[in-house]
Amino acid sequence: YTSAPSEPPTHRLDTLWIVTNSKIT
């Protein structure tokens, strides 16, 4: 339950979201 950018960063940044809520899509 967070606000996140709508698009990935313009520079290479591999993003791994560790999520505790199984309903997040």
PDBML (XML) file of the C-alpha atoms, coordinates in Angstrom:
<?xml version="1.0" encoding="UTF-8" ?>
<PDBx:datablock datablockName="MODEL"
   xmlns:PDBx="http://pdbml.pdb.org/schema/pdbx-v50.xsd"
   xmlns:xsi="http://www.w3.org/2001/XMLSchema-instance"
   xsi:schemaLocation="http://pdbml.pdb.org/schema/pdbx-v50.xsd pdbx-v50.xsd">
   <PDBx:atom_siteCategory>
      <PDBx:atom_site id="1">
         <PDBx:B_iso_or_equiv>0.00</PDBx:B_iso_or_equiv>
         <PDBx:Cartn_x>0.000</PDBx:Cartn_x>
         <PDBx:Cartn_y>0.000</PDBx:Cartn_y>
         <PDBx:Cartn_z>0.000</PDBx:Cartn_z>
         <PDBx:auth_asym_id>A</PDBx:auth_asym_id>
         <PDBx:auth_atom_id>CA</PDBx:auth_atom_id>
         <PDBx:auth_comp_id>TYR</PDBx:auth_comp_id>
         <PDBx:auth_seq_id>1</PDBx:auth_seq_id>
         <PDBx:group_PDB>ATOM</PDBx:group_PDB>
         <PDBx:label_alt_id xsi:nil="true" />
         <PDBx:label_asym_id>A</PDBx:label_asym_id>
         <PDBx:label_atom_id>CA</PDBx:label_atom_id>
         <PDBx:label_comp_id>TYR</PDBx:label_comp_id>
         <PDBx:label_entity_id>1</PDBx:label_entity_id>
         <PDBx:label_seq_id>1</PDBx:label_seq_id>
         <PDBx:occupancy>1.00</PDBx:occupancy>
         <PDBx:pdbx_PDB_model_num>1</PDBx:pdbx_PDB_model_num>
         <PDBx:type_symbol>C</PDBx:type_symbol>
      </PDBx:atom_site>
      <PDBx:atom_site id="2">
         <PDBx:B_iso_or_equiv>0.00</PDBx:B_iso_or_equiv>
         <PDBx:Cartn_x>2.385</PDBx:Cartn_x>
         <PDBx:Cartn_y>2.598</PDBx:Cartn_y>
         <PDBx:Cartn_z>-1.311</PDBx:Cartn_z>
         <PDBx:auth_asym_id>A</PDBx:auth_asym_id>
         <PDBx:auth_atom_id>CA</PDBx:auth_atom_id>
         <PDBx:auth_comp_id>THR</PDBx:auth_comp_id>
         <PDBx:auth_seq_id>2</PDBx:auth_seq_id>
         <PDBx:group_PDB>ATOM</PDBx:group_PDB>
         <PDBx:label_alt_id xsi:nil="true" />
         <PDBx:label_asym_id>A</PDBx:label_asym_id>
         <PDBx:label_atom_id>CA</PDBx:label_atom_id>
         <PDBx:label_comp_id>THR</PDBx:label_comp_id>
         <PDBx:label_entity_id>1</PDBx:label_entity_id>
         <PDBx:label_seq_id>2</PDBx:label_seq_id>
         <PDBx:occupancy>1.00</PDBx:occupancy>
         <PDBx:pdbx_PDB_model_num>1</PDBx:pdbx_PDB_model_num>
         <PDBx:type_symbol>C</PDBx:type_symbol>
      </PDBx:atom_site>
      <PDBx:atom_site id="3">
         <PDBx:B_iso_or_equiv>0.00</PDBx:B_iso_or_equiv>
         <PDBx:Cartn_x>2.682</PDBx:Cartn_x>
         <PDBx:Cartn_y>5.188</PDBx:Cartn_y>
         <PDBx:Cartn_z>-4.011</PDBx:Cartn_z>
         <PDBx:auth_asym_id>A</PDBx:auth_asym_id>
         <PDBx:auth_atom_id>CA</PDBx:auth_atom_id>
         <PDBx:auth_comp_id>SER</PDBx:auth_comp_id>
         <PDBx:auth_seq_id>3</PDBx:auth_seq_id>
         <PDBx:group_PDB>ATOM</PDBx:group_PDB>
         <PDBx:label_alt_id xsi:nil="true" />
         <PDBx:label_asym_id>A</PDBx:label_asym_id>
         <PDBx:label_atom_id>CA</PDBx:label_atom_id>
         <PDBx:label_comp_id>SER</PDBx:label_comp_id>
         <PDBx:label_entity_id>1</PDBx:label_entity_id>
         <PDBx:label_seq_id>3</PDBx:label_seq_id>
         <PDBx:occupancy>1.00</PDBx:occupancy>
         <PDBx:pdbx_PDB_model_num>1</PDBx:pdbx_PDB_model_num>
         <PDBx:type_symbol>C</PDBx:type_symbol>
      </PDBx:atom_site>
      <PDBx:atom_site id="4">
         <PDBx:B_iso_or_equiv>0.00</PDBx:B_iso_or_equiv>
         <PDBx:Cartn_x>5.245</PDBx:Cartn_x>
         <PDBx:Cartn_y>4.167</PDBx:Cartn_y>
         <PDBx:Cartn_z>-6.562</PDBx:Cartn_z>
         <PDBx:auth_asym_id>A</PDBx:auth_asym_id>
         <PDBx:auth_atom_id>CA</PDBx:auth_atom_id>
         <PDBx:auth_comp_id>ALA</PDBx:auth_comp_id>
         <PDBx:auth_seq_id>4</PDBx:auth_seq_id>
         <PDBx:group_PDB>ATOM</PDBx:group_PDB>
         <PDBx:label_alt_id xsi:nil="true" />
         <PDBx:label_asym_id>A</PDBx:label_asym_id>
         <PDBx:label_atom_id>CA</PDBx:label_atom_id>
         <PDBx:label_comp_id>ALA</PDBx:label_comp_id>
         <PDBx:label_entity_id>1</PDBx:label_entity_id>
         <PDBx:label_seq_id>4</PDBx:label_seq_id>
         <PDBx:occupancy>1.00</PDBx:occupancy>
         <PDBx:pdbx_PDB_model_num>1</PDBx:pdbx_PDB_model_num>
         <PDBx:type_symbol>C</PDBx:type_symbol>
      </PDBx:atom_site>
      <PDBx:atom_site id="5">
         <PDBx:B_iso_or_equiv>0.00</PDBx:B_iso_or_equiv>
         <PDBx:Cartn_x>6.382</PDBx:Cartn_x>
         <PDBx:Cartn_y>5.791</PDBx:Cartn_y>
         <PDBx:Cartn_z>-9.778</PDBx:Cartn_z>
         <PDBx:auth_asym_id>A</PDBx:auth_asym_id>
         <PDBx:auth_atom_id>CA</PDBx:auth_atom_id>
         <PDBx:auth_comp_id>PRO</PDBx:auth_comp_id>
         <PDBx:auth_seq_id>5</PDBx:auth_seq_id>
         <PDBx:group_PDB>ATOM</PDBx:group_PDB>
         <PDBx:label_alt_id xsi:nil="true" />
         <PDBx:label_asym_id>A</PDBx:label_asym_id>
         <PDBx:label_atom_id>CA</PDBx:label_atom_id>
         <PDBx:label_comp_id>PRO</PDBx:label_comp_id>
         <PDBx:label_entity_id>1</PDBx:label_entity_id>
         <PDBx:label_seq_id>5</PDBx:label_seq_id>
         <PDBx:occupancy>1.00</PDBx:occupancy>
         <PDBx:pdbx_PDB_model_num>1</PDBx:pdbx_PDB_model_num>
         <PDBx:type_symbol>C</PDBx:type_symbol>
      </PDBx:atom_site>
      <PDBx:atom_site id="6">
         <PDBx:B_iso_or_equiv>0.00</PDBx:B_iso_or_equiv>
         <PDBx:Cartn_x>4.178</PDBx:Cartn_x>
         <PDBx:Cartn_y>4.830</PDBx:Cartn_y>
         <PDBx:Cartn_z>-12.721</PDBx:Cartn_z>
         <PDBx:auth_asym_id>A</PDBx:auth_asym_id>
         <PDBx:auth_atom_id>CA</PDBx:auth_atom_id>
         <PDBx:auth_comp_id>SER</PDBx:auth_comp_id>
         <PDBx:auth_seq_id>6</PDBx:auth_seq_id>
         <PDBx:group_PDB>ATOM</PDBx:group_PDB>
         <PDBx:label_alt_id xsi:nil="true" />
         <PDBx:label_asym_id>A</PDBx:label_asym_id>
         <PDBx:label_atom_id>CA</PDBx:label_atom_id>
         <PDBx:label_comp_id>SER</PDBx:label_comp_id>
         <PDBx:label_entity_id>1</PDBx:label_entity_id>
         <PDBx:label_seq_id>6</PDBx:label_seq_id>
         <PDBx:occupancy>1.00</PDBx:occupancy>
         <PDBx:pdbx_PDB_model_num>1</PDBx:pdbx_PDB_model_num>
         <PDBx:type_symbol>C</PDBx:type_symbol>
      </PDBx:atom_site>
      <PDBx:atom_site id="7">
         <PDBx:B_iso_or_equiv>0.00</PDBx:B_iso_or_equiv>
         <PDBx:Cartn_x>7.248</PDBx:Cartn_x>
         <PDBx:Cartn_y>4.034</PDBx:Cartn_y>
         <PDBx:Cartn_z>-14.817</PDBx:Cartn_z>
         <PDBx:auth_asym_id>A</PDBx:auth_asym_id>
         <PDBx:auth_atom_id>CA</PDBx:auth_atom_id>
         <PDBx:auth_comp_id>GLU</PDBx:auth_comp_id>
         <PDBx:auth_seq_id>7</PDBx:auth_seq_id>
         <PDBx:group_PDB>ATOM</PDBx:group_PDB>
         <PDBx:label_alt_id xsi:nil="true" />
         <PDBx:label_asym_id>A</PDBx:label_asym_id>
         <PDBx:label_atom_id>CA</PDBx:label_atom_id>
         <PDBx:label_comp_id>GLU</PDBx:label_comp_id>
         <PDBx:label_entity_id>1</PDBx:label_entity_id>
         <PDBx:label_seq_id>7</PDBx:label_seq_id>
         <PDBx:occupancy>1.00</PDBx:occupancy>
         <PDBx:pdbx_PDB_model_num>1</PDBx:pdbx_PDB_model_num>
         <PDBx:type_symbol>C</PDBx:type_symbol>
      </PDBx:atom_site>
      <PDBx:atom_site id="8">
         <PDBx:B_iso_or_equiv>0.00</PDBx:B_iso_or_equiv>
         <PDBx:Cartn_x>10.644</PDBx:Cartn_x>
         <PDBx:Cartn_y>2.579</PDBx:Cartn_y>
         <PDBx:Cartn_z>-13.983</PDBx:Cartn_z>
         <PDBx:auth_asym_id>A</PDBx:auth_asym_id>
         <PDBx:auth_atom_id>CA</PDBx:auth_atom_id>
         <PDBx:auth_comp_id>PRO</PDBx:auth_comp_id>
         <PDBx:auth_seq_id>8</PDBx:auth_seq_id>
         <PDBx:group_PDB>ATOM</PDBx:group_PDB>
         <PDBx:label_alt_id xsi:nil="true" />
         <PDBx:label_asym_id>A</PDBx:label_asym_id>
         <PDBx:label_atom_id>CA</PDBx:label_atom_id>
         <PDBx:label_comp_id>PRO</PDBx:label_comp_id>
         <PDBx:label_entity_id>1</PDBx:label_entity_id>
         <PDBx:label_seq_id>8</PDBx:label_seq_id>
         <PDBx:occupancy>1.00</PDBx:occupancy>
         <PDBx:pdbx_PDB_model_num>1</PDBx:pdbx_PDB_model_num>
         <PDBx:type_symbol>C</PDBx:type_symbol>
      </PDBx:atom_site>
      <PDBx:atom_site id="9">
         <PDBx:B_iso_or_equiv>0.00</PDBx:B_iso_or_equiv>
         <PDBx:Cartn_x>13.556</PDBx:Cartn_x>
         <PDBx:Cartn_y>4.967</PDBx:Cartn_y>
         <PDBx:Cartn_z>-13.473</PDBx:Cartn_z>
         <PDBx:auth_asym_id>A</PDBx:auth_asym_id>
         <PDBx:auth_atom_id>CA</PDBx:auth_atom_id>
         <PDBx:auth_comp_id>PRO</PDBx:auth_comp_id>
         <PDBx:auth_seq_id>9</PDBx:auth_seq_id>
         <PDBx:group_PDB>ATOM</PDBx:group_PDB>
         <PDBx:label_alt_id xsi:nil="true" />
         <PDBx:label_asym_id>A</PDBx:label_asym_id>
         <PDBx:label_atom_id>CA</PDBx:label_atom_id>
         <PDBx:label_comp_id>PRO</PDBx:label_comp_id>
         <PDBx:label_entity_id>1</PDBx:label_entity_id>
         <PDBx:label_seq_id>9</PDBx:label_seq_id>
         <PDBx:occupancy>1.00</PDBx:occupancy>
         <PDBx:pdbx_PDB_model_num>1</PDBx:pdbx_PDB_model_num>
         <PDBx:type_symbol>C</PDBx:type_symbol>
      </PDBx:atom_site>
      <PDBx:atom_site id="10">
         <PDBx:B_iso_or_equiv>0.00</PDBx:B_iso_or_equiv>
         <PDBx:Cartn_x>15.307</PDBx:Cartn_x>
         <PDBx:Cartn_y>6.144</PDBx:Cartn_y>
         <PDBx:Cartn_z>-16.613</PDBx:Cartn_z>
         <PDBx:auth_asym_id>A</PDBx:auth_asym_id>
         <PDBx:auth_atom_id>CA</PDBx:auth_atom_id>
         <PDBx:auth_comp_id>THR</PDBx:auth_comp_id>
         <PDBx:auth_seq_id>10</PDBx:auth_seq_id>
         <PDBx:group_PDB>ATOM</PDBx:group_PDB>
         <PDBx:label_alt_id xsi:nil="true" />
         <PDBx:label_asym_id>A</PDBx:label_asym_id>
         <PDBx:label_atom_id>CA</PDBx:label_atom_id>
         <PDBx:label_comp_id>THR</PDBx:label_comp_id>
         <PDBx:label_entity_id>1</PDBx:label_entity_id>
         <PDBx:label_seq_id>10</PDBx:label_seq_id>
         <PDBx:occupancy>1.00</PDBx:occupancy>
         <PDBx:pdbx_PDB_model_num>1</PDBx:pdbx_PDB_model_num>
         <PDBx:type_symbol>C</PDBx:type_symbol>
      </PDBx:atom_site>
      <PDBx:atom_site id="11">
         <PDBx:B_iso_or_equiv>0.00</PDBx:B_iso_or_equiv>
         <PDBx:Cartn_x>18.655</PDBx:Cartn_x>
         <PDBx:Cartn_y>4.791</PDBx:Cartn_y>
         <PDBx:Cartn_z>-15.411</PDBx:Cartn_z>
         <PDBx:auth_asym_id>A</PDBx:auth_asym_id>
         <PDBx:auth_atom_id>CA</PDBx:auth_atom_id>
         <PDBx:auth_comp_id>HIS</PDBx:auth_comp_id>
         <PDBx:auth_seq_id>11</PDBx:auth_seq_id>
         <PDBx:group_PDB>ATOM</PDBx:group_PDB>
         <PDBx:label_alt_id xsi:nil="true" />
         <PDBx:label_asym_id>A</PDBx:label_asym_id>
         <PDBx:label_atom_id>CA</PDBx:label_atom_id>
         <PDBx:label_comp_id>HIS</PDBx:label_comp_id>
         <PDBx:label_entity_id>1</PDBx:label_entity_id>
         <PDBx:label_seq_id>11</PDBx:label_seq_id>
         <PDBx:occupancy>1.00</PDBx:occupancy>
         <PDBx:pdbx_PDB_model_num>1</PDBx:pdbx_PDB_model_num>
         <PDBx:type_symbol>C</PDBx:type_symbol>
      </PDBx:atom_site>
      <PDBx:atom_site id="12">
         <PDBx:B_iso_or_equiv>0.00</PDBx:B_iso_or_equiv>
         <PDBx:Cartn_x>19.200</PDBx:Cartn_x>
         <PDBx:Cartn_y>1.075</PDBx:Cartn_y>
         <PDBx:Cartn_z>-14.944</PDBx:Cartn_z>
         <PDBx:auth_asym_id>A</PDBx:auth_asym_id>
         <PDBx:auth_atom_id>CA</PDBx:auth_atom_id>
         <PDBx:auth_comp_id>ARG</PDBx:auth_comp_id>
         <PDBx:auth_seq_id>12</PDBx:auth_seq_id>
         <PDBx:group_PDB>ATOM</PDBx:group_PDB>
         <PDBx:label_alt_id xsi:nil="true" />
         <PDBx:label_asym_id>A</PDBx:label_asym_id>
         <PDBx:label_atom_id>CA</PDBx:label_atom_id>
         <PDBx:label_comp_id>ARG</PDBx:label_comp_id>
         <PDBx:label_entity_id>1</PDBx:label_entity_id>
         <PDBx:label_seq_id>12</PDBx:label_seq_id>
         <PDBx:occupancy>1.00</PDBx:occupancy>
         <PDBx:pdbx_PDB_model_num>1</PDBx:pdbx_PDB_model_num>
         <PDBx:type_symbol>C</PDBx:type_symbol>
      </PDBx:atom_site>
      <PDBx:atom_site id="13">
         <PDBx:B_iso_or_equiv>0.00</PDBx:B_iso_or_equiv>
         <PDBx:Cartn_x>17.870</PDBx:Cartn_x>
         <PDBx:Cartn_y>0.177</PDBx:Cartn_y>
         <PDBx:Cartn_z>-11.503</PDBx:Cartn_z>
         <PDBx:auth_asym_id>A</PDBx:auth_asym_id>
         <PDBx:auth_atom_id>CA</PDBx:auth_atom_id>
         <PDBx:auth_comp_id>LEU</PDBx:auth_comp_id>
         <PDBx:auth_seq_id>13</PDBx:auth_seq_id>
         <PDBx:group_PDB>ATOM</PDBx:group_PDB>
         <PDBx:label_alt_id xsi:nil="true" />
         <PDBx:label_asym_id>A</PDBx:label_asym_id>
         <PDBx:label_atom_id>CA</PDBx:label_atom_id>
         <PDBx:label_comp_id>LEU</PDBx:label_comp_id>
         <PDBx:label_entity_id>1</PDBx:label_entity_id>
         <PDBx:label_seq_id>13</PDBx:label_seq_id>
         <PDBx:occupancy>1.00</PDBx:occupancy>
         <PDBx:pdbx_PDB_model_num>1</PDBx:pdbx_PDB_model_num>
         <PDBx:type_symbol>C</PDBx:type_symbol>
      </PDBx:atom_site>
      <PDBx:atom_site id="14">
         <PDBx:B_iso_or_equiv>0.00</PDBx:B_iso_or_equiv>
         <PDBx:Cartn_x>16.703</PDBx:Cartn_x>
         <PDBx:Cartn_y>-3.392</PDBx:Cartn_y>
         <PDBx:Cartn_z>-10.984</PDBx:Cartn_z>
         <PDBx:auth_asym_id>A</PDBx:auth_asym_id>
         <PDBx:auth_atom_id>CA</PDBx:auth_atom_id>
         <PDBx:auth_comp_id>ASP</PDBx:auth_comp_id>
         <PDBx:auth_seq_id>14</PDBx:auth_seq_id>
         <PDBx:group_PDB>ATOM</PDBx:group_PDB>
         <PDBx:label_alt_id xsi:nil="true" />
         <PDBx:label_asym_id>A</PDBx:label_asym_id>
         <PDBx:label_atom_id>CA</PDBx:label_atom_id>
         <PDBx:label_comp_id>ASP</PDBx:label_comp_id>
         <PDBx:label_entity_id>1</PDBx:label_entity_id>
         <PDBx:label_seq_id>14</PDBx:label_seq_id>
         <PDBx:occupancy>1.00</PDBx:occupancy>
         <PDBx:pdbx_PDB_model_num>1</PDBx:pdbx_PDB_model_num>
         <PDBx:type_symbol>C</PDBx:type_symbol>
      </PDBx:atom_site>
      <PDBx:atom_site id="15">
         <PDBx:B_iso_or_equiv>0.00</PDBx:B_iso_or_equiv>
         <PDBx:Cartn_x>13.820</PDBx:Cartn_x>
         <PDBx:Cartn_y>-3.151</PDBx:Cartn_y>
         <PDBx:Cartn_z>-8.499</PDBx:Cartn_z>
         <PDBx:auth_asym_id>A</PDBx:auth_asym_id>
         <PDBx:auth_atom_id>CA</PDBx:auth_atom_id>
         <PDBx:auth_comp_id>THR</PDBx:auth_comp_id>
         <PDBx:auth_seq_id>15</PDBx:auth_seq_id>
         <PDBx:group_PDB>ATOM</PDBx:group_PDB>
         <PDBx:label_alt_id xsi:nil="true" />
         <PDBx:label_asym_id>A</PDBx:label_asym_id>
         <PDBx:label_atom_id>CA</PDBx:label_atom_id>
         <PDBx:label_comp_id>THR</PDBx:label_comp_id>
         <PDBx:label_entity_id>1</PDBx:label_entity_id>
         <PDBx:label_seq_id>15</PDBx:label_seq_id>
         <PDBx:occupancy>1.00</PDBx:occupancy>
         <PDBx:pdbx_PDB_model_num>1</PDBx:pdbx_PDB_model_num>
         <PDBx:type_symbol>C</PDBx:type_symbol>
      </PDBx:atom_site>
      <PDBx:atom_site id="16">
         <PDBx:B_iso_or_equiv>0.00</PDBx:B_iso_or_equiv>
         <PDBx:Cartn_x>12.732</PDBx:Cartn_x>
         <PDBx:Cartn_y>-5.996</PDBx:Cartn_y>
         <PDBx:Cartn_z>-6.227</PDBx:Cartn_z>
         <PDBx:auth_asym_id>A</PDBx:auth_asym_id>
         <PDBx:auth_atom_id>CA</PDBx:auth_atom_id>
         <PDBx:auth_comp_id>LEU</PDBx:auth_comp_id>
         <PDBx:auth_seq_id>16</PDBx:auth_seq_id>
         <PDBx:group_PDB>ATOM</PDBx:group_PDB>
         <PDBx:label_alt_id xsi:nil="true" />
         <PDBx:label_asym_id>A</PDBx:label_asym_id>
         <PDBx:label_atom_id>CA</PDBx:label_atom_id>
         <PDBx:label_comp_id>LEU</PDBx:label_comp_id>
         <PDBx:label_entity_id>1</PDBx:label_entity_id>
         <PDBx:label_seq_id>16</PDBx:label_seq_id>
         <PDBx:occupancy>1.00</PDBx:occupancy>
         <PDBx:pdbx_PDB_model_num>1</PDBx:pdbx_PDB_model_num>
         <PDBx:type_symbol>C</PDBx:type_symbol>
      </PDBx:atom_site>
      <PDBx:atom_site id="17">
         <PDBx:B_iso_or_equiv>0.00</PDBx:B_iso_or_equiv>
         <PDBx:Cartn_x>9.572</PDBx:Cartn_x>
         <PDBx:Cartn_y>-5.377</PDBx:Cartn_y>
         <PDBx:Cartn_z>-4.195</PDBx:Cartn_z>
         <PDBx:auth_asym_id>A</PDBx:auth_asym_id>
         <PDBx:auth_atom_id>CA</PDBx:auth_atom_id>
         <PDBx:auth_comp_id>TRP</PDBx:auth_comp_id>
         <PDBx:auth_seq_id>17</PDBx:auth_seq_id>
         <PDBx:group_PDB>ATOM</PDBx:group_PDB>
         <PDBx:label_alt_id xsi:nil="true" />
         <PDBx:label_asym_id>A</PDBx:label_asym_id>
         <PDBx:label_atom_id>CA</PDBx:label_atom_id>
         <PDBx:label_comp_id>TRP</PDBx:label_comp_id>
         <PDBx:label_entity_id>1</PDBx:label_entity_id>
         <PDBx:label_seq_id>17</PDBx:label_seq_id>
         <PDBx:occupancy>1.00</PDBx:occupancy>
         <PDBx:pdbx_PDB_model_num>1</PDBx:pdbx_PDB_model_num>
         <PDBx:type_symbol>C</PDBx:type_symbol>
      </PDBx:atom_site>
      <PDBx:atom_site id="18">
         <PDBx:B_iso_or_equiv>0.00</PDBx:B_iso_or_equiv>
         <PDBx:Cartn_x>9.399</PDBx:Cartn_x>
         <PDBx:Cartn_y>-7.533</PDBx:Cartn_y>
         <PDBx:Cartn_z>-1.032</PDBx:Cartn_z>
         <PDBx:auth_asym_id>A</PDBx:auth_asym_id>
         <PDBx:auth_atom_id>CA</PDBx:auth_atom_id>
         <PDBx:auth_comp_id>ILE</PDBx:auth_comp_id>
         <PDBx:auth_seq_id>18</PDBx:auth_seq_id>
         <PDBx:group_PDB>ATOM</PDBx:group_PDB>
         <PDBx:label_alt_id xsi:nil="true" />
         <PDBx:label_asym_id>A</PDBx:label_asym_id>
         <PDBx:label_atom_id>CA</PDBx:label_atom_id>
         <PDBx:label_comp_id>ILE</PDBx:label_comp_id>
         <PDBx:label_entity_id>1</PDBx:label_entity_id>
         <PDBx:label_seq_id>18</PDBx:label_seq_id>
         <PDBx:occupancy>1.00</PDBx:occupancy>
         <PDBx:pdbx_PDB_model_num>1</PDBx:pdbx_PDB_model_num>
         <PDBx:type_symbol>C</PDBx:type_symbol>
      </PDBx:atom_site>
      <PDBx:atom_site id="19">
         <PDBx:B_iso_or_equiv>0.00</PDBx:B_iso_or_equiv>
         <PDBx:Cartn_x>5.648</PDBx:Cartn_x>
         <PDBx:Cartn_y>-7.493</PDBx:Cartn_y>
         <PDBx:Cartn_z>-0.362</PDBx:Cartn_z>
         <PDBx:auth_asym_id>A</PDBx:auth_asym_id>
         <PDBx:auth_atom_id>CA</PDBx:auth_atom_id>
         <PDBx:auth_comp_id>VAL</PDBx:auth_comp_id>
         <PDBx:auth_seq_id>19</PDBx:auth_seq_id>
         <PDBx:group_PDB>ATOM</PDBx:group_PDB>
         <PDBx:label_alt_id xsi:nil="true" />
         <PDBx:label_asym_id>A</PDBx:label_asym_id>
         <PDBx:label_atom_id>CA</PDBx:label_atom_id>
         <PDBx:label_comp_id>VAL</PDBx:label_comp_id>
         <PDBx:label_entity_id>1</PDBx:label_entity_id>
         <PDBx:label_seq_id>19</PDBx:label_seq_id>
         <PDBx:occupancy>1.00</PDBx:occupancy>
         <PDBx:pdbx_PDB_model_num>1</PDBx:pdbx_PDB_model_num>
         <PDBx:type_symbol>C</PDBx:type_symbol>
      </PDBx:atom_site>
      <PDBx:atom_site id="20">
         <PDBx:B_iso_or_equiv>0.00</PDBx:B_iso_or_equiv>
         <PDBx:Cartn_x>3.885</PDBx:Cartn_x>
         <PDBx:Cartn_y>-8.766</PDBx:Cartn_y>
         <PDBx:Cartn_z>2.770</PDBx:Cartn_z>
         <PDBx:auth_asym_id>A</PDBx:auth_asym_id>
         <PDBx:auth_atom_id>CA</PDBx:auth_atom_id>
         <PDBx:auth_comp_id>THR</PDBx:auth_comp_id>
         <PDBx:auth_seq_id>20</PDBx:auth_seq_id>
         <PDBx:group_PDB>ATOM</PDBx:group_PDB>
         <PDBx:label_alt_id xsi:nil="true" />
         <PDBx:label_asym_id>A</PDBx:label_asym_id>
         <PDBx:label_atom_id>CA</PDBx:label_atom_id>
         <PDBx:label_comp_id>THR</PDBx:label_comp_id>
         <PDBx:label_entity_id>1</PDBx:label_entity_id>
         <PDBx:label_seq_id>20</PDBx:label_seq_id>
         <PDBx:occupancy>1.00</PDBx:occupancy>
         <PDBx:pdbx_PDB_model_num>1</PDBx:pdbx_PDB_model_num>
         <PDBx:type_symbol>C</PDBx:type_symbol>
      </PDBx:atom_site>
      <PDBx:atom_site id="21">
         <PDBx:B_iso_or_equiv>0.00</PDBx:B_iso_or_equiv>
         <PDBx:Cartn_x>0.366</PDBx:Cartn_x>
         <PDBx:Cartn_y>-8.510</PDBx:Cartn_y>
         <PDBx:Cartn_z>1.330</PDBx:Cartn_z>
         <PDBx:auth_asym_id>A</PDBx:auth_asym_id>
         <PDBx:auth_atom_id>CA</PDBx:auth_atom_id>
         <PDBx:auth_comp_id>ASN</PDBx:auth_comp_id>
         <PDBx:auth_seq_id>21</PDBx:auth_seq_id>
         <PDBx:group_PDB>ATOM</PDBx:group_PDB>
         <PDBx:label_alt_id xsi:nil="true" />
         <PDBx:label_asym_id>A</PDBx:label_asym_id>
         <PDBx:label_atom_id>CA</PDBx:label_atom_id>
         <PDBx:label_comp_id>ASN</PDBx:label_comp_id>
         <PDBx:label_entity_id>1</PDBx:label_entity_id>
         <PDBx:label_seq_id>21</PDBx:label_seq_id>
         <PDBx:occupancy>1.00</PDBx:occupancy>
         <PDBx:pdbx_PDB_model_num>1</PDBx:pdbx_PDB_model_num>
         <PDBx:type_symbol>C</PDBx:type_symbol>
      </PDBx:atom_site>
      <PDBx:atom_site id="22">
         <PDBx:B_iso_or_equiv>0.00</PDBx:B_iso_or_equiv>
         <PDBx:Cartn_x>-0.651</PDBx:Cartn_x>
         <PDBx:Cartn_y>-11.299</PDBx:Cartn_y>
         <PDBx:Cartn_z>-1.052</PDBx:Cartn_z>
         <PDBx:auth_asym_id>A</PDBx:auth_asym_id>
         <PDBx:auth_atom_id>CA</PDBx:auth_atom_id>
         <PDBx:auth_comp_id>SER</PDBx:auth_comp_id>
         <PDBx:auth_seq_id>22</PDBx:auth_seq_id>
         <PDBx:group_PDB>ATOM</PDBx:group_PDB>
         <PDBx:label_alt_id xsi:nil="true" />
         <PDBx:label_asym_id>A</PDBx:label_asym_id>
         <PDBx:label_atom_id>CA</PDBx:label_atom_id>
         <PDBx:label_comp_id>SER</PDBx:label_comp_id>
         <PDBx:label_entity_id>1</PDBx:label_entity_id>
         <PDBx:label_seq_id>22</PDBx:label_seq_id>
         <PDBx:occupancy>1.00</PDBx:occupancy>
         <PDBx:pdbx_PDB_model_num>1</PDBx:pdbx_PDB_model_num>
         <PDBx:type_symbol>C</PDBx:type_symbol>
      </PDBx:atom_site>
      <PDBx:atom_site id="23">
         <PDBx:B_iso_or_equiv>0.00</PDBx:B_iso_or_equiv>
         <PDBx:Cartn_x>-3.448</PDBx:Cartn_x>
         <PDBx:Cartn_y>-9.176</PDBx:Cartn_y>
         <PDBx:Cartn_z>-2.558</PDBx:Cartn_z>
         <PDBx:auth_asym_id>A</PDBx:auth_asym_id>
         <PDBx:auth_atom_id>CA</PDBx:auth_atom_id>
         <PDBx:auth_comp_id>LYS</PDBx:auth_comp_id>
         <PDBx:auth_seq_id>23</PDBx:auth_seq_id>
         <PDBx:group_PDB>ATOM</PDBx:group_PDB>
         <PDBx:label_alt_id xsi:nil="true" />
         <PDBx:label_asym_id>A</PDBx:label_asym_id>
         <PDBx:label_atom_id>CA</PDBx:label_atom_id>
         <PDBx:label_comp_id>LYS</PDBx:label_comp_id>
         <PDBx:label_entity_id>1</PDBx:label_entity_id>
         <PDBx:label_seq_id>23</PDBx:label_seq_id>
         <PDBx:occupancy>1.00</PDBx:occupancy>
         <PDBx:pdbx_PDB_model_num>1</PDBx:pdbx_PDB_model_num>
         <PDBx:type_symbol>C</PDBx:type_symbol>
      </PDBx:atom_site>
      <PDBx:atom_site id="24">
         <PDBx:B_iso_or_equiv>0.00</PDBx:B_iso_or_equiv>
         <PDBx:Cartn_x>-1.124</PDBx:Cartn_x>
         <PDBx:Cartn_y>-6.584</PDBx:Cartn_y>
         <PDBx:Cartn_z>-4.085</PDBx:Cartn_z>
         <PDBx:auth_asym_id>A</PDBx:auth_asym_id>
         <PDBx:auth_atom_id>CA</PDBx:auth_atom_id>
         <PDBx:auth_comp_id>ILE</PDBx:auth_comp_id>
         <PDBx:auth_seq_id>24</PDBx:auth_seq_id>
         <PDBx:group_PDB>ATOM</PDBx:group_PDB>
         <PDBx:label_alt_id xsi:nil="true" />
         <PDBx:label_asym_id>A</PDBx:label_asym_id>
         <PDBx:label_atom_id>CA</PDBx:label_atom_id>
         <PDBx:label_comp_id>ILE</PDBx:label_comp_id>
         <PDBx:label_entity_id>1</PDBx:label_entity_id>
         <PDBx:label_seq_id>24</PDBx:label_seq_id>
         <PDBx:occupancy>1.00</PDBx:occupancy>
         <PDBx:pdbx_PDB_model_num>1</PDBx:pdbx_PDB_model_num>
         <PDBx:type_symbol>C</PDBx:type_symbol>
      </PDBx:atom_site>
      <PDBx:atom_site id="25">
         <PDBx:B_iso_or_equiv>0.00</PDBx:B_iso_or_equiv>
         <PDBx:Cartn_x>-1.028</PDBx:Cartn_x>
         <PDBx:Cartn_y>-7.003</PDBx:Cartn_y>
         <PDBx:Cartn_z>-7.843</PDBx:Cartn_z>
         <PDBx:auth_asym_id>A</PDBx:auth_asym_id>
         <PDBx:auth_atom_id>CA</PDBx:auth_atom_id>
         <PDBx:auth_comp_id>THR</PDBx:auth_comp_id>
         <PDBx:auth_seq_id>25</PDBx:auth_seq_id>
         <PDBx:group_PDB>ATOM</PDBx:group_PDB>
         <PDBx:label_alt_id xsi:nil="true" />
         <PDBx:label_asym_id>A</PDBx:label_asym_id>
         <PDBx:label_atom_id>CA</PDBx:label_atom_id>
         <PDBx:label_comp_id>THR</PDBx:label_comp_id>
         <PDBx:label_entity_id>1</PDBx:label_entity_id>
         <PDBx:label_seq_id>25</PDBx:label_seq_id>
         <PDBx:occupancy>1.00</PDBx:occupancy>
         <PDBx:pdbx_PDB_model_num>1</PDBx:pdbx_PDB_model_num>
         <PDBx:type_symbol>C</PDBx:type_symbol>
      </PDBx:atom_site>
   </PDBx:atom_siteCategory>
</PDBx:datablock>
